[in-house]
Amino acid sequence: MVVEVQDLQTPNSPRFLKVAEVAELLKVKPRTIYEMVAQDRIPYRKPPGSNILRFDLEEILEWTRRKN
């Protein structure tokens, strides 16, 4: 499955991605995303009292622009 940025964007509502979706978008393995989270190297959301990771598409896109 190929994730295209235009497919992920929805007007006026934040789009939250799962680990696998972010990994595919960044062309890395999901394990790499977990390592980046553990090292606080990527912006992410974790609901209180949960171990579920979510990534705001706009934050990830901005983060990638800042990195380059």
C-alpha atoms as a PDB file:
ATOM      1  CA  MET A   1       0.000   0.000   0.000  1.00  0.00           C
ATOM      2  CA  VAL A   2       1.411   3.372  -1.020  1.00  0.00           C
ATOM      3  CA  VAL A   3       0.396   6.372   1.074  1.00  0.00           C
ATOM      4  CA  GLU A   4       0.195   9.621  -0.852  1.00  0.00           C
ATOM      5  CA  VAL A   5       0.060  12.925   1.053  1.00  0.00           C
ATOM      6  CA  GLN A   6      -2.901  14.205  -0.989  1.00  0.00           C
ATOM      7  CA  ASP A   7      -4.830  11.037  -0.042  1.00  0.00           C
ATOM      8  CA  LEU A   8      -4.300  11.754   3.650  1.00  0.00           C
ATOM      9  CA  GLN A   9      -5.320  15.394   3.774  1.00  0.00           C
ATOM     10  CA  THR A  10      -8.877  16.255   4.744  1.00  0.00           C
ATOM     11  CA  PRO A  11     -10.055  19.847   4.992  1.00  0.00           C
ATOM     12  CA  ASN A  12     -10.658  21.405   8.424  1.00  0.00           C
ATOM     13  CA  SER A  13      -9.915  18.332  10.499  1.00  0.00           C
ATOM     14  CA  PRO A  14      -6.652  16.975  11.830  1.00  0.00           C
ATOM     15  CA  ARG A  15      -5.624  13.669  10.320  1.00  0.00           C
ATOM     16  CA  PHE A  16      -3.993  11.275  12.745  1.00  0.00           C
ATOM     17  CA  LEU A  17      -1.800   8.516  11.392  1.00  0.00           C
ATOM     18  CA  LYS A  18      -0.874   5.159  12.872  1.00  0.00           C
ATOM     19  CA  VAL A  19       2.711   3.948  13.223  1.00  0.00           C
ATOM     20  CA  ALA A  20       2.544   1.892  10.028  1.00  0.00           C
ATOM     21  CA  GLU A  21       1.182   4.841   8.035  1.00  0.00           C
ATOM     22  CA  VAL A  22       3.921   7.199   9.252  1.00  0.00           C
ATOM     23  CA  ALA A  23       6.548   4.563   8.528  1.00  0.00           C
ATOM     24  CA  GLU A  24       5.266   4.174   4.989  1.00  0.00           C
ATOM     25  CA  LEU A  25       5.079   7.921   4.473  1.00  0.00           C
ATOM     26  CA  LEU A  26       8.676   8.360   5.670  1.00  0.00           C
ATOM     27  CA  LYS A  27       9.856   5.205   3.882  1.00  0.00           C
ATOM     28  CA  VAL A  28      11.192   3.563   7.036  1.00  0.00           C
ATOM     29  CA  LYS A  29      10.268   0.470   9.016  1.00  0.00           C
ATOM     30  CA  PRO A  30       7.713   0.735  11.832  1.00  0.00           C
ATOM     31  CA  ARG A  31      10.474  -0.277  14.266  1.00  0.00           C
ATOM     32  CA  THR A  32      12.324   2.907  13.268  1.00  0.00           C
ATOM     33  CA  ILE A  33       9.272   4.996  14.165  1.00  0.00           C
ATOM     34  CA  TYR A  34       9.099   3.350  17.613  1.00  0.00           C
ATOM     35  CA  GLU A  35      12.803   4.084  18.123  1.00  0.00           C
ATOM     36  CA  MET A  36      12.322   7.708  17.055  1.00  0.00           C
ATOM     37  CA  VAL A  37       9.450   8.071  19.536  1.00  0.00           C
ATOM     38  CA  ALA A  38      11.550   6.564  22.341  1.00  0.00           C
ATOM     39  CA  GLN A  39      14.321   9.050  21.531  1.00  0.00           C
ATOM     40  CA  ASP A  40      11.813  11.926  21.243  1.00  0.00           C
ATOM     41  CA  ARG A  41      12.966  12.586  17.668  1.00  0.00           C
ATOM     42  CA  ILE A  42       9.530  12.737  16.018  1.00  0.00           C
ATOM     43  CA  PRO A  43       6.346  14.597  17.037  1.00  0.00           C
ATOM     44  CA  TYR A  44       3.628  12.252  18.284  1.00  0.00           C
ATOM     45  CA  ARG A  45       0.500  12.093  20.417  1.00  0.00           C
ATOM     46  CA  LYS A  46      -0.243   9.568  23.125  1.00  0.00           C
ATOM     47  CA  PRO A  47      -3.651   9.791  24.792  1.00  0.00           C
ATOM     48  CA  PRO A  48      -3.459   9.917  28.625  1.00  0.00           C
ATOM     49  CA  GLY A  49      -3.535   6.482  30.194  1.00  0.00           C
ATOM     50  CA  SER A  50      -2.928   4.800  26.858  1.00  0.00           C
ATOM     51  CA  ASN A  51      -0.009   3.290  25.008  1.00  0.00           C
ATOM     52  CA  ILE A  52      -1.482   4.075  21.578  1.00  0.00           C
ATOM     53  CA  LEU A  53       0.686   6.308  19.399  1.00  0.00           C
ATOM     54  CA  ARG A  54      -0.816   8.694  16.860  1.00  0.00           C
ATOM     55  CA  PHE A  55       0.854  11.214  14.589  1.00  0.00           C
ATOM     56  CA  ASP A  56      -0.749  14.432  13.355  1.00  0.00           C
ATOM     57  CA  LEU A  57      -0.204  14.566   9.594  1.00  0.00           C
ATOM     58  CA  GLU A  58       0.354  18.337   9.564  1.00  0.00           C
ATOM     59  CA  GLU A  59       2.933  18.099  12.383  1.00  0.00           C
ATOM     60  CA  ILE A  60       4.774  15.329  10.555  1.00  0.00           C
ATOM     61  CA  LEU A  61       4.810  17.257   7.284  1.00  0.00           C
ATOM     62  CA  GLU A  62       6.088  20.389   9.051  1.00  0.00           C
ATOM     63  CA  TRP A  63       8.681  18.327  10.920  1.00  0.00           C
ATOM     64  CA  THR A  64       9.969  16.862   7.640  1.00  0.00           C
ATOM     65  CA  ARG A  65      10.206  20.358   6.114  1.00  0.00           C
ATOM     66  CA  ARG A  66      12.235  21.592   9.100  1.00  0.00           C
ATOM     67  CA  LYS A  67      14.573  18.600   8.922  1.00  0.00           C
ATOM     68  CA  ASN A  68      15.537  19.267   5.276  1.00  0.00           C
END
